[in-house]
Amino acid sequence: METPVPNTFYHSDIFNDSAIHWFPTEMLASVPHALWRDNDEPVYDANDPEIVTMSECTARSADHVL
């Protein structure tokens, strides 16, 4: 299931295609447990300007400490 999120942000080009995806409990219960357990962490392209990682945020906030 997908529920669109209305874009009410000041800058309309940010989060302009956001949605919440949800799954009924009975559907989740029918999936093998290995699906949730046996997965590699995602790998992101560090050069993609649209991807902001936690380490990047931490580094940026450290630069702005008074």
PDB file of N, CA and C in Angstrom:
ATOM      1  N   MET A   1       0.836  -1.161   0.000  1.00  0.00           N
ATOM      2  CA  MET A   1       0.000   0.000   0.000  1.00  0.00           C
ATOM      3  C   MET A   1       0.893   1.240   0.000  1.00  0.00           C
ATOM      4  N   GLU A   2       0.444   2.282  -0.639  1.00  0.00           N
ATOM      5  CA  GLU A   2       1.199   3.527  -0.687  1.00  0.00           C
ATOM      6  C   GLU A   2       0.261   4.687  -0.394  1.00  0.00           C
ATOM      7  N   THR A   3       0.692   5.568   0.501  1.00  0.00           N
ATOM      8  CA  THR A   3      -0.070   6.754   0.835  1.00  0.00           C
ATOM      9  C   THR A   3       0.770   7.976   0.482  1.00  0.00           C
ATOM     10  N   PRO A   4       0.355   8.777  -0.492  1.00  0.00           N
ATOM     11  CA  PRO A   4       1.129   9.963  -0.846  1.00  0.00           C
ATOM     12  C   PRO A   4       1.176  10.962   0.315  1.00  0.00           C
ATOM     13  N   VAL A   5       2.286  11.657   0.426  1.00  0.00           N
ATOM     14  CA  VAL A   5       2.440  12.694   1.435  1.00  0.00           C
ATOM     15  C   VAL A   5       2.291  14.036   0.728  1.00  0.00           C
ATOM     16  N   PRO A   6       1.329  14.850   1.132  1.00  0.00           N
ATOM     17  CA  PRO A   6       1.151  16.144   0.468  1.00  0.00           C
ATOM     18  C   PRO A   6       2.398  17.007   0.640  1.00  0.00           C
ATOM     19  N   ASN A   7       2.785  17.689  -0.411  1.00  0.00           N
ATOM     20  CA  ASN A   7       3.954  18.561  -0.358  1.00  0.00           C
ATOM     21  C   ASN A   7       3.528  19.930   0.164  1.00  0.00           C
ATOM     22  N   THR A   8       3.781  20.173   1.445  1.00  0.00           N
ATOM     23  CA  THR A   8       3.444  21.456   2.058  1.00  0.00           C
ATOM     24  C   THR A   8       4.701  22.199   2.488  1.00  0.00           C
ATOM     25  N   PHE A   9       5.845  21.800   1.920  1.00  0.00           N
ATOM     26  CA  PHE A   9       7.117  22.401   2.288  1.00  0.00           C
ATOM     27  C   PHE A   9       7.316  23.735   1.569  1.00  0.00           C
ATOM     28  N   TYR A  10       8.048  24.625   2.171  1.00  0.00           N
ATOM     29  CA  TYR A  10       8.337  25.934   1.588  1.00  0.00           C
ATOM     30  C   TYR A  10       9.028  25.779   0.237  1.00  0.00           C
ATOM     31  N   HIS A  11      10.017  24.893   0.178  1.00  0.00           N
ATOM     32  CA  HIS A  11      10.715  24.605  -1.079  1.00  0.00           C
ATOM     33  C   HIS A  11      10.052  23.376  -1.706  1.00  0.00           C
ATOM     34  N   SER A  12       9.244  23.589  -2.715  1.00  0.00           N
ATOM     35  CA  SER A  12       8.440  22.490  -3.265  1.00  0.00           C
ATOM     36  C   SER A  12       9.252  21.452  -4.024  1.00  0.00           C
ATOM     37  N   ASP A  13      10.530  21.738  -4.324  1.00  0.00           N
ATOM     38  CA  ASP A  13      11.343  20.748  -5.026  1.00  0.00           C
ATOM     39  C   ASP A  13      12.001  19.762  -4.066  1.00  0.00           C
ATOM     40  N   ILE A  14      11.797  19.948  -2.764  1.00  0.00           N
ATOM     41  CA  ILE A  14      12.341  19.033  -1.765  1.00  0.00           C
ATOM     42  C   ILE A  14      11.208  18.141  -1.275  1.00  0.00           C
ATOM     43  N   PHE A  15      11.458  16.862  -1.225  1.00  0.00           N
ATOM     44  CA  PHE A  15      10.446  15.877  -0.819  1.00  0.00           C
ATOM     45  C   PHE A  15       9.212  15.972  -1.706  1.00  0.00           C
ATOM     46  N   ASN A  16       9.404  16.249  -2.981  1.00  0.00           N
ATOM     47  CA  ASN A  16       8.264  16.481  -3.858  1.00  0.00           C
ATOM     48  C   ASN A  16       7.586  15.198  -4.344  1.00  0.00           C
ATOM     49  N   ASP A  17       8.154  14.060  -4.028  1.00  0.00           N
ATOM     50  CA  ASP A  17       7.544  12.809  -4.459  1.00  0.00           C
ATOM     51  C   ASP A  17       7.580  11.793  -3.314  1.00  0.00           C
ATOM     52  N   SER A  18       7.271  12.253  -2.117  1.00  0.00           N
ATOM     53  CA  SER A  18       7.343  11.394  -0.942  1.00  0.00           C
ATOM     54  C   SER A  18       6.062  10.586  -0.777  1.00  0.00           C
ATOM     55  N   ALA A  19       6.237   9.400  -0.218  1.00  0.00           N
ATOM     56  CA  ALA A  19       5.095   8.540   0.064  1.00  0.00           C
ATOM     57  C   ALA A  19       5.445   7.645   1.243  1.00  0.00           C
ATOM     58  N   ILE A  20       4.438   7.180   1.918  1.00  0.00           N
ATOM     59  CA  ILE A  20       4.610   6.214   2.996  1.00  0.00           C
ATOM     60  C   ILE A  20       4.134   4.872   2.459  1.00  0.00           C
ATOM     61  N   HIS A  21       4.997   3.872   2.569  1.00  0.00           N
ATOM     62  CA  HIS A  21       4.644   2.518   2.139  1.00  0.00           C
ATOM     63  C   HIS A  21       4.369   1.694   3.390  1.00  0.00           C
ATOM     64  N   TRP A  22       3.260   1.005   3.396  1.00  0.00           N
ATOM     65  CA  TRP A  22       2.914   0.181   4.535  1.00  0.00           C
ATOM     66  C   TRP A  22       2.365  -1.153   4.056  1.00  0.00           C
ATOM     67  N   PHE A  23       2.471  -2.127   4.925  1.00  0.00           N
ATOM     68  CA  PHE A  23       2.083  -3.491   4.575  1.00  0.00           C
ATOM     69  C   PHE A  23       1.160  -4.045   5.649  1.00  0.00           C
ATOM     70  N   PRO A  24       0.068  -4.650   5.240  1.00  0.00           N
ATOM     71  CA  PRO A  24      -0.829  -5.281   6.218  1.00  0.00           C
ATOM     72  C   PRO A  24      -0.090  -6.382   6.991  1.00  0.00           C
ATOM     73  N   THR A  25      -0.401  -6.514   8.268  1.00  0.00           N
ATOM     74  CA  THR A  25       0.261  -7.483   9.138  1.00  0.00           C
ATOM     75  C   THR A  25       0.218  -8.893   8.562  1.00  0.00           C
ATOM     76  N   GLU A  26      -0.936  -9.290   8.006  1.00  0.00           N
ATOM     77  CA  GLU A  26      -1.043 -10.654   7.471  1.00  0.00           C
ATOM     78  C   GLU A  26      -0.102 -10.859   6.284  1.00  0.00           C
ATOM     79  N   MET A  27       0.175  -9.805   5.534  1.00  0.00           N
ATOM     80  CA  MET A  27       1.110  -9.917   4.416  1.00  0.00           C
ATOM     81  C   MET A  27       2.540 -10.070   4.942  1.00  0.00           C
ATOM     82  N   LEU A  28       2.889  -9.315   5.962  1.00  0.00           N
ATOM     83  CA  LEU A  28       4.225  -9.418   6.550  1.00  0.00           C
ATOM     84  C   LEU A  28       4.450 -10.787   7.179  1.00  0.00           C
ATOM     85  N   ALA A  29       3.419 -11.333   7.786  1.00  0.00           N
ATOM     86  CA  ALA A  29       3.539 -12.640   8.441  1.00  0.00           C
ATOM     87  C   ALA A  29       3.782 -13.761   7.435  1.00  0.00           C
ATOM     88  N   SER A  30       3.421 -13.543   6.176  1.00  0.00           N
ATOM     89  CA  SER A  30       3.584 -14.598   5.174  1.00  0.00           C
ATOM     90  C   SER A  30       4.978 -14.602   4.529  1.00  0.00           C
ATOM     91  N   VAL A  31       5.814 -13.631   4.870  1.00  0.00           N
ATOM     92  CA  VAL A  31       7.154 -13.528   4.293  1.00  0.00           C
ATOM     93  C   VAL A  31       8.129 -14.325   5.155  1.00  0.00           C
ATOM     94  N   PRO A  32       9.040 -15.082   4.538  1.00  0.00           N
ATOM     95  CA  PRO A  32      10.021 -15.844   5.329  1.00  0.00           C
ATOM     96  C   PRO A  32      10.877 -14.905   6.200  1.00  0.00           C
ATOM     97  N   HIS A  33      11.203 -15.343   7.419  1.00  0.00           N
ATOM     98  CA  HIS A  33      11.982 -14.523   8.345  1.00  0.00           C
ATOM     99  C   HIS A  33      13.356 -14.169   7.780  1.00  0.00           C
ATOM    100  N   ALA A  34      13.890 -15.007   6.914  1.00  0.00           N
ATOM    101  CA  ALA A  34      15.211 -14.752   6.331  1.00  0.00           C
ATOM    102  C   ALA A  34      15.227 -13.453   5.526  1.00  0.00           C
ATOM    103  N   LEU A  35      14.092 -13.048   5.023  1.00  0.00           N
ATOM    104  CA  LEU A  35      14.016 -11.800   4.267  1.00  0.00           C
ATOM    105  C   LEU A  35      14.491 -10.614   5.103  1.00  0.00           C
ATOM    106  N   TRP A  36      14.154 -10.606   6.370  1.00  0.00           N
ATOM    107  CA  TRP A  36      14.512  -9.497   7.253  1.00  0.00           C
ATOM    108  C   TRP A  36      15.896  -9.677   7.850  1.00  0.00           C
ATOM    109  N   ARG A  37      16.340 -10.896   7.971  1.00  0.00           N
ATOM    110  CA  ARG A  37      17.564 -11.227   8.683  1.00  0.00           C
ATOM    111  C   ARG A  37      18.808 -11.228   7.793  1.00  0.00           C
ATOM    112  N   ASP A  38      18.703 -11.795   6.612  1.00  0.00           N
ATOM    113  CA  ASP A  38      19.866 -12.097   5.788  1.00  0.00           C
ATOM    114  C   ASP A  38      20.046 -11.093   4.650  1.00  0.00           C
ATOM    115  N   ASN A  39      20.306  -9.851   4.987  1.00  0.00           N
ATOM    116  CA  ASN A  39      20.490  -8.823   3.971  1.00  0.00           C
ATOM    117  C   ASN A  39      21.742  -8.017   4.245  1.00  0.00           C
ATOM    118  N   ASP A  40      22.412  -7.597   3.176  1.00  0.00           N
ATOM    119  CA  ASP A  40      23.567  -6.722   3.300  1.00  0.00           C
ATOM    120  C   ASP A  40      23.081  -5.288   3.509  1.00  0.00           C
ATOM    121  N   GLU A  41      23.921  -4.510   4.162  1.00  0.00           N
ATOM    122  CA  GLU A  41      23.615  -3.089   4.316  1.00  0.00           C
ATOM    123  C   GLU A  41      23.639  -2.432   2.940  1.00  0.00           C
ATOM    124  N   PRO A  42      22.804  -1.427   2.710  1.00  0.00           N
ATOM    125  CA  PRO A  42      22.825  -0.754   1.415  1.00  0.00           C
ATOM    126  C   PRO A  42      24.137  -0.005   1.200  1.00  0.00           C
ATOM    127  N   VAL A  43      24.525   0.120  -0.054  1.00  0.00           N
ATOM    128  CA  VAL A  43      25.735   0.858  -0.421  1.00  0.00           C
ATOM    129  C   VAL A  43      25.292   2.034  -1.281  1.00  0.00           C
ATOM    130  N   TYR A  44      25.754   3.219  -0.927  1.00  0.00           N
ATOM    131  CA  TYR A  44      25.355   4.430  -1.629  1.00  0.00           C
ATOM    132  C   TYR A  44      26.551   5.029  -2.353  1.00  0.00           C
ATOM    133  N   ASP A  45      26.287   5.685  -3.458  1.00  0.00           N
ATOM    134  CA  ASP A  45      27.310   6.392  -4.209  1.00  0.00           C
ATOM    135  C   ASP A  45      27.633   7.688  -3.471  1.00  0.00           C
ATOM    136  N   ALA A  46      28.842   7.789  -2.944  1.00  0.00           N
ATOM    137  CA  ALA A  46      29.239   8.962  -2.163  1.00  0.00           C
ATOM    138  C   ALA A  46      29.256  10.236  -2.999  1.00  0.00           C
ATOM    139  N   ASN A  47      29.267  10.111  -4.322  1.00  0.00           N
ATOM    140  CA  ASN A  47      29.291  11.279  -5.195  1.00  0.00           C
ATOM    141  C   ASN A  47      27.907  11.753  -5.614  1.00  0.00           C
ATOM    142  N   ASP A  48      26.874  11.038  -5.197  1.00  0.00           N
ATOM    143  CA  ASP A  48      25.509  11.420  -5.551  1.00  0.00           C
ATOM    144  C   ASP A  48      25.074  12.574  -4.647  1.00  0.00           C
ATOM    145  N   PRO A  49      24.830  13.756  -5.201  1.00  0.00           N
ATOM    146  CA  PRO A  49      24.490  14.917  -4.358  1.00  0.00           C
ATOM    147  C   PRO A  49      23.140  14.792  -3.664  1.00  0.00           C
ATOM    148  N   GLU A  50      22.311  13.846  -4.066  1.00  0.00           N
ATOM    149  CA  GLU A  50      20.998  13.688  -3.444  1.00  0.00           C
ATOM    150  C   GLU A  50      21.022  12.739  -2.256  1.00  0.00           C
ATOM    151  N   ILE A  51      22.164  12.101  -2.013  1.00  0.00           N
ATOM    152  CA  ILE A  51      22.291  11.188  -0.883  1.00  0.00           C
ATOM    153  C   ILE A  51      23.085  11.891   0.207  1.00  0.00           C
ATOM    154  N   VAL A  52      22.495  12.013   1.388  1.00  0.00           N
ATOM    155  CA  VAL A  52      23.175  12.604   2.533  1.00  0.00           C
ATOM    156  C   VAL A  52      23.275  11.521   3.594  1.00  0.00           C
ATOM    157  N   THR A  53      24.491  11.174   3.955  1.00  0.00           N
ATOM    158  CA  THR A  53      24.701  10.109   4.934  1.00  0.00           C
ATOM    159  C   THR A  53      24.811  10.674   6.345  1.00  0.00           C
ATOM    160  N   MET A  54      24.671   9.809   7.339  1.00  0.00           N
ATOM    161  CA  MET A  54      24.773  10.226   8.733  1.00  0.00           C
ATOM    162  C   MET A  54      26.165  10.777   9.020  1.00  0.00           C
ATOM    163  N   SER A  55      27.209  10.148   8.486  1.00  0.00           N
ATOM    164  CA  SER A  55      28.567  10.638   8.747  1.00  0.00           C
ATOM    165  C   SER A  55      28.767  12.020   8.143  1.00  0.00           C
ATOM    166  N   GLU A  56      28.142  12.284   7.008  1.00  0.00           N
ATOM    167  CA  GLU A  56      28.232  13.601   6.384  1.00  0.00           C
ATOM    168  C   GLU A  56      27.531  14.649   7.251  1.00  0.00           C
ATOM    169  N   CYS A  57      26.393  14.307   7.805  1.00  0.00           N
ATOM    170  CA  CYS A  57      25.669  15.233   8.683  1.00  0.00           C
ATOM    171  C   CYS A  57      26.476  15.510   9.945  1.00  0.00           C
ATOM    172  N   THR A  58      27.082  14.478  10.508  1.00  0.00           N
ATOM    173  CA  THR A  58      27.884  14.632  11.709  1.00  0.00           C
ATOM    174  C   THR A  58      29.073  15.537  11.434  1.00  0.00           C
ATOM    175  N   ALA A  59      29.735  15.343  10.295  1.00  0.00           N
ATOM    176  CA  ALA A  59      30.882  16.179   9.934  1.00  0.00           C
ATOM    177  C   ALA A  59      30.459  17.628   9.731  1.00  0.00           C
ATOM    178  N   ARG A  60      29.326  17.828   9.088  1.00  0.00           N
ATOM    179  CA  ARG A  60      28.848  19.193   8.850  1.00  0.00           C
ATOM    180  C   ARG A  60      28.478  19.888  10.156  1.00  0.00           C
ATOM    181  N   SER A  61      27.835  19.177  11.066  1.00  0.00           N
ATOM    182  CA  SER A  61      27.429  19.803  12.326  1.00  0.00           C
ATOM    183  C   SER A  61      28.649  20.122  13.181  1.00  0.00           C
ATOM    184  N   ALA A  62      29.710  19.324  13.087  1.00  0.00           N
ATOM    185  CA  ALA A  62      30.945  19.599  13.834  1.00  0.00           C
ATOM    186  C   ALA A  62      31.608  20.870  13.316  1.00  0.00           C
ATOM    187  N   ASP A  63      31.451  21.164  12.037  1.00  0.00           N
ATOM    188  CA  ASP A  63      32.029  22.371  11.448  1.00  0.00           C
ATOM    189  C   ASP A  63      31.336  23.632  11.945  1.00  0.00           C
ATOM    190  N   HIS A  64      30.118  23.498  12.440  1.00  0.00           N
ATOM    191  CA  HIS A  64      29.331  24.665  12.834  1.00  0.00           C
ATOM    192  C   HIS A  64      29.219  24.848  14.352  1.00  0.00           C
ATOM    193  N   VAL A  65      30.079  24.176  15.085  1.00  0.00           N
ATOM    194  CA  VAL A  65      30.052  24.322  16.544  1.00  0.00           C
ATOM    195  C   VAL A  65      30.672  25.657  16.913  1.00  0.00           C
ATOM    196  N   LEU A  66      30.024  26.357  17.818  1.00  0.00           N
ATOM    197  CA  LEU A  66      30.542  27.676  18.239  1.00  0.00           C
ATOM    198  C   LEU A  66      31.682  27.543  19.204  1.00  0.00           C
TER     199      LEU A  66
END
